[in-house]
N, C-alpha and C. Protein backbone atom coordinates (compact mmCIF):
# COMPACT_ATOMS: atom_id res chain seq x y z
N MET A 1 0.84 -1.18 0.00
CA MET A 1 0.00 0.00 0.00
C MET A 1 0.89 1.25 0.00
N ILE A 2 0.39 2.27 -0.65
CA ILE A 2 1.12 3.52 -0.73
C ILE A 2 0.65 4.39 0.43
N VAL A 3 1.57 4.73 1.31
CA VAL A 3 1.23 5.42 2.54
C VAL A 3 0.65 6.81 2.29
N ASP A 4 1.21 7.56 1.36
CA ASP A 4 0.77 8.93 1.16
C ASP A 4 -0.26 9.10 0.04
N PHE A 5 -0.93 8.03 -0.38
CA PHE A 5 -1.93 8.13 -1.44
C PHE A 5 -3.14 8.88 -0.89
N PRO A 6 -3.46 10.07 -1.45
CA PRO A 6 -4.44 10.95 -0.83
C PRO A 6 -5.90 10.67 -1.18
N HIS A 7 -6.15 9.88 -2.21
CA HIS A 7 -7.52 9.71 -2.67
C HIS A 7 -8.28 8.63 -1.90
N LYS A 8 -9.56 8.85 -1.77
CA LYS A 8 -10.46 7.85 -1.21
C LYS A 8 -11.22 7.26 -2.39
N ALA A 9 -11.36 5.95 -2.42
CA ALA A 9 -12.03 5.29 -3.54
C ALA A 9 -13.48 5.75 -3.65
N PRO A 10 -13.98 5.89 -4.89
CA PRO A 10 -15.39 6.25 -5.07
C PRO A 10 -16.32 5.17 -4.51
N ALA A 11 -17.60 5.46 -4.42
CA ALA A 11 -18.57 4.50 -3.90
C ALA A 11 -18.53 3.21 -4.72
N ASN A 12 -18.61 2.09 -4.03
CA ASN A 12 -18.61 0.75 -4.63
C ASN A 12 -17.31 0.41 -5.36
N CYS A 13 -16.22 1.05 -4.98
CA CYS A 13 -14.92 0.80 -5.60
C CYS A 13 -13.86 0.69 -4.51
N PHE A 14 -12.70 0.15 -4.89
CA PHE A 14 -11.55 0.11 -4.00
C PHE A 14 -10.29 0.12 -4.86
N TYR A 15 -9.17 0.48 -4.24
CA TYR A 15 -7.89 0.51 -4.93
C TYR A 15 -7.14 -0.79 -4.68
N GLU A 16 -6.42 -1.22 -5.70
CA GLU A 16 -5.58 -2.42 -5.60
C GLU A 16 -4.20 -2.03 -6.10
N TYR A 17 -3.18 -2.44 -5.39
CA TYR A 17 -1.81 -2.08 -5.73
C TYR A 17 -1.04 -3.34 -6.10
N GLU A 18 -0.26 -3.25 -7.19
CA GLU A 18 0.57 -4.40 -7.56
C GLU A 18 1.91 -3.91 -8.09
N GLU A 19 2.93 -4.70 -7.86
CA GLU A 19 4.25 -4.33 -8.36
C GLU A 19 4.24 -4.49 -9.87
N PHE A 20 4.60 -3.42 -10.54
CA PHE A 20 4.60 -3.39 -12.00
C PHE A 20 6.01 -3.65 -12.53
N LYS A 21 6.94 -2.89 -12.05
CA LYS A 21 8.36 -3.04 -12.35
C LYS A 21 9.11 -2.74 -11.06
N HIS A 22 10.41 -2.90 -11.08
CA HIS A 22 11.21 -2.59 -9.90
C HIS A 22 10.96 -1.14 -9.50
N ASN A 23 10.51 -0.91 -8.28
CA ASN A 23 10.22 0.41 -7.70
C ASN A 23 9.00 1.11 -8.31
N VAL A 24 8.24 0.44 -9.16
CA VAL A 24 7.04 1.04 -9.75
C VAL A 24 5.82 0.20 -9.38
N VAL A 25 4.82 0.88 -8.83
CA VAL A 25 3.57 0.23 -8.42
C VAL A 25 2.47 0.67 -9.37
N ARG A 26 1.69 -0.31 -9.84
CA ARG A 26 0.52 0.01 -10.67
C ARG A 26 -0.68 0.08 -9.74
N ILE A 27 -1.46 1.14 -9.86
CA ILE A 27 -2.63 1.34 -9.01
C ILE A 27 -3.88 1.10 -9.84
N TRP A 28 -4.68 0.13 -9.41
CA TRP A 28 -5.92 -0.21 -10.09
C TRP A 28 -7.10 0.36 -9.31
N LEU A 29 -8.12 0.80 -10.02
CA LEU A 29 -9.40 1.15 -9.42
C LEU A 29 -10.35 0.02 -9.77
N CYS A 30 -10.82 -0.70 -8.76
CA CYS A 30 -11.65 -1.88 -8.96
C CYS A 30 -13.09 -1.60 -8.55
N ASN A 31 -14.02 -2.07 -9.35
CA ASN A 31 -15.44 -1.89 -9.10
C ASN A 31 -15.97 -3.16 -8.44
N THR A 32 -16.83 -3.01 -7.43
CA THR A 32 -17.36 -4.18 -6.72
C THR A 32 -18.62 -4.74 -7.36
N HIS A 33 -19.22 -4.00 -8.30
CA HIS A 33 -20.43 -4.50 -8.97
C HIS A 33 -20.09 -5.61 -9.95
N GLN A 34 -21.03 -6.52 -10.14
CA GLN A 34 -20.86 -7.56 -11.15
C GLN A 34 -21.63 -7.16 -12.40
N PHE A 35 -21.03 -7.43 -13.55
CA PHE A 35 -21.63 -7.07 -14.82
C PHE A 35 -21.80 -8.32 -15.68
N ASP A 36 -22.84 -8.34 -16.49
CA ASP A 36 -23.13 -9.49 -17.34
C ASP A 36 -22.13 -9.66 -18.48
N TYR A 37 -21.60 -8.53 -18.99
CA TYR A 37 -20.74 -8.62 -20.17
C TYR A 37 -19.43 -9.36 -19.90
N ASN A 38 -19.02 -9.46 -18.66
CA ASN A 38 -17.78 -10.18 -18.37
C ASN A 38 -18.02 -11.36 -17.43
N LEU A 39 -19.24 -11.88 -17.43
CA LEU A 39 -19.62 -13.06 -16.65
C LEU A 39 -19.39 -12.89 -15.16
N GLY A 40 -19.55 -11.68 -14.66
CA GLY A 40 -19.44 -11.43 -13.23
C GLY A 40 -18.04 -11.26 -12.70
N ALA A 41 -17.03 -11.28 -13.58
CA ALA A 41 -15.65 -11.09 -13.13
C ALA A 41 -15.47 -9.65 -12.65
N ARG A 42 -14.50 -9.43 -11.80
CA ARG A 42 -14.23 -8.09 -11.29
C ARG A 42 -13.81 -7.16 -12.42
N THR A 43 -14.35 -5.97 -12.42
CA THR A 43 -14.04 -4.95 -13.42
C THR A 43 -13.06 -3.96 -12.80
N LYS A 44 -11.98 -3.68 -13.52
CA LYS A 44 -11.00 -2.74 -12.99
C LYS A 44 -10.37 -1.95 -14.12
N THR A 45 -9.86 -0.78 -13.74
CA THR A 45 -9.18 0.10 -14.67
C THR A 45 -7.92 0.61 -13.99
N VAL A 46 -6.92 0.91 -14.78
CA VAL A 46 -5.68 1.40 -14.17
C VAL A 46 -5.87 2.88 -13.79
N TRP A 47 -5.60 3.19 -12.53
CA TRP A 47 -5.67 4.58 -12.06
C TRP A 47 -4.42 5.32 -12.49
N GLY A 48 -3.28 4.70 -12.28
CA GLY A 48 -2.00 5.32 -12.61
C GLY A 48 -0.85 4.50 -12.04
N PHE A 49 0.32 5.11 -11.97
CA PHE A 49 1.53 4.44 -11.50
C PHE A 49 2.21 5.30 -10.44
N TYR A 50 2.96 4.64 -9.58
CA TYR A 50 3.68 5.33 -8.52
C TYR A 50 5.11 4.78 -8.47
N HIS A 51 6.09 5.67 -8.52
CA HIS A 51 7.50 5.27 -8.41
C HIS A 51 7.90 5.45 -6.95
N SER A 52 8.17 4.35 -6.27
CA SER A 52 8.39 4.40 -4.82
C SER A 52 9.71 5.06 -4.41
N LYS A 53 10.73 4.97 -5.22
CA LYS A 53 12.01 5.63 -4.88
C LYS A 53 11.91 7.14 -5.06
N ARG A 54 11.32 7.55 -6.17
CA ARG A 54 11.20 8.99 -6.46
C ARG A 54 10.01 9.63 -5.76
N LYS A 55 9.08 8.79 -5.28
CA LYS A 55 7.84 9.27 -4.64
C LYS A 55 7.07 10.18 -5.58
N LYS A 56 6.91 9.73 -6.82
CA LYS A 56 6.22 10.50 -7.87
C LYS A 56 5.12 9.64 -8.47
N TYR A 57 4.04 10.32 -8.92
CA TYR A 57 2.92 9.65 -9.57
C TYR A 57 2.98 9.91 -11.07
N TYR A 58 2.48 8.94 -11.85
CA TYR A 58 2.50 9.03 -13.30
C TYR A 58 1.14 8.64 -13.86
N ALA A 59 0.71 9.36 -14.87
CA ALA A 59 -0.54 9.03 -15.55
C ALA A 59 -0.32 7.79 -16.42
N PRO A 60 -1.35 7.00 -16.62
CA PRO A 60 -1.19 5.84 -17.50
C PRO A 60 -1.43 6.21 -18.96
N ILE A 61 -0.71 5.56 -19.85
CA ILE A 61 -1.04 5.62 -21.28
C ILE A 61 -2.00 4.47 -21.56
N ASN A 62 -1.66 3.32 -21.02
CA ASN A 62 -2.55 2.16 -21.00
C ASN A 62 -2.13 1.31 -19.81
N THR A 63 -2.64 0.10 -19.69
CA THR A 63 -2.34 -0.71 -18.50
C THR A 63 -0.88 -1.14 -18.40
N LYS A 64 -0.15 -1.08 -19.50
CA LYS A 64 1.23 -1.55 -19.50
C LYS A 64 2.26 -0.45 -19.77
N THR A 65 1.81 0.80 -19.88
CA THR A 65 2.73 1.87 -20.24
C THR A 65 2.57 3.05 -19.28
N VAL A 66 3.69 3.44 -18.68
CA VAL A 66 3.72 4.59 -17.78
C VAL A 66 3.81 5.85 -18.61
N GLY A 67 2.97 6.84 -18.29
CA GLY A 67 2.95 8.10 -19.01
C GLY A 67 3.77 9.18 -18.32
N LYS A 68 3.32 10.40 -18.46
CA LYS A 68 4.04 11.55 -17.91
C LYS A 68 3.80 11.70 -16.41
N GLU A 69 4.77 12.31 -15.76
CA GLU A 69 4.65 12.61 -14.33
C GLU A 69 3.52 13.61 -14.13
N VAL A 70 2.75 13.40 -13.04
CA VAL A 70 1.65 14.31 -12.72
C VAL A 70 1.77 14.77 -11.28
N ASP A 71 1.23 15.94 -11.02
CA ASP A 71 1.13 16.44 -9.65
C ASP A 71 -0.08 15.75 -9.02
N ILE A 72 0.10 15.09 -7.90
CA ILE A 72 -0.98 14.35 -7.26
C ILE A 72 -2.17 15.25 -6.94
N LYS A 73 -1.93 16.53 -6.73
CA LYS A 73 -3.02 17.46 -6.42
C LYS A 73 -3.92 17.73 -7.63
N SER A 74 -3.42 17.46 -8.83
CA SER A 74 -4.22 17.68 -10.03
C SER A 74 -4.89 16.40 -10.53
N THR A 75 -4.81 15.33 -9.76
CA THR A 75 -5.45 14.07 -10.13
C THR A 75 -6.80 13.95 -9.43
N ARG A 76 -7.59 13.01 -9.90
CA ARG A 76 -8.90 12.75 -9.30
C ARG A 76 -8.93 11.32 -8.76
N ASN A 77 -9.94 11.00 -8.00
CA ASN A 77 -9.98 9.66 -7.43
C ASN A 77 -10.29 8.60 -8.47
N TYR A 78 -10.74 8.97 -9.66
CA TYR A 78 -11.00 8.01 -10.72
C TYR A 78 -9.79 7.72 -11.60
N THR A 79 -8.90 8.70 -11.75
CA THR A 79 -7.76 8.52 -12.66
C THR A 79 -6.68 9.57 -12.42
N ALA A 80 -5.46 9.23 -12.83
CA ALA A 80 -4.37 10.20 -12.78
C ALA A 80 -4.22 10.93 -14.10
N MET A 81 -5.00 10.53 -15.11
CA MET A 81 -4.93 11.21 -16.40
C MET A 81 -5.42 12.64 -16.25
N GLN A 82 -4.76 13.52 -16.95
CA GLN A 82 -5.07 14.95 -16.86
C GLN A 82 -6.18 15.31 -17.86
N LEU A 83 -7.04 16.22 -17.44
CA LEU A 83 -8.08 16.71 -18.33
C LEU A 83 -7.47 17.68 -19.33
N LYS A 84 -7.85 17.54 -20.58
CA LYS A 84 -7.40 18.48 -21.61
C LYS A 84 -8.53 19.46 -21.83
N GLN A 85 -8.31 20.68 -21.43
CA GLN A 85 -9.34 21.70 -21.56
C GLN A 85 -8.90 22.77 -22.54
N SER A 86 -9.83 23.16 -23.36
CA SER A 86 -9.56 24.27 -24.28
C SER A 86 -9.88 25.57 -23.55
N PRO A 87 -9.46 26.69 -24.06
CA PRO A 87 -9.81 27.97 -23.43
C PRO A 87 -11.33 28.16 -23.33
N LEU A 88 -12.07 27.62 -24.29
CA LEU A 88 -13.51 27.72 -24.25
C LEU A 88 -14.10 26.93 -23.07
N ASP A 89 -13.52 25.75 -22.79
CA ASP A 89 -13.97 24.95 -21.64
C ASP A 89 -13.78 25.72 -20.34
N GLN A 90 -12.68 26.44 -20.20
CA GLN A 90 -12.41 27.18 -18.99
C GLN A 90 -13.39 28.34 -18.79
N PHE A 91 -13.94 28.83 -19.91
CA PHE A 91 -14.92 29.92 -19.83
C PHE A 91 -16.20 29.45 -19.14
N PHE A 92 -16.59 28.19 -19.34
CA PHE A 92 -17.84 27.67 -18.79
C PHE A 92 -17.71 27.16 -17.36
N VAL A 93 -16.51 27.08 -16.83
CA VAL A 93 -16.32 26.57 -15.46
C VAL A 93 -16.51 27.64 -14.44
């Protein structure tokens, strides 16, 4: 478990941590609901990655590829991927 991970899992979800590479942990967001499309197997998505030596978080490109470093304060409890907003999007917020 990552001691300084600041997010609380959304309702009906939990986080799962697994060693991805040496000093890199893959963080999964797992859903507790069962779905028919996958015969009731657990549904999960990669939240992001954590480098334990550097104490840095990284957005995922996919489940097997570490992306760019992110500031943990700019992440959400669903994902470490950053929102891409246009100037027009910022006008409506």
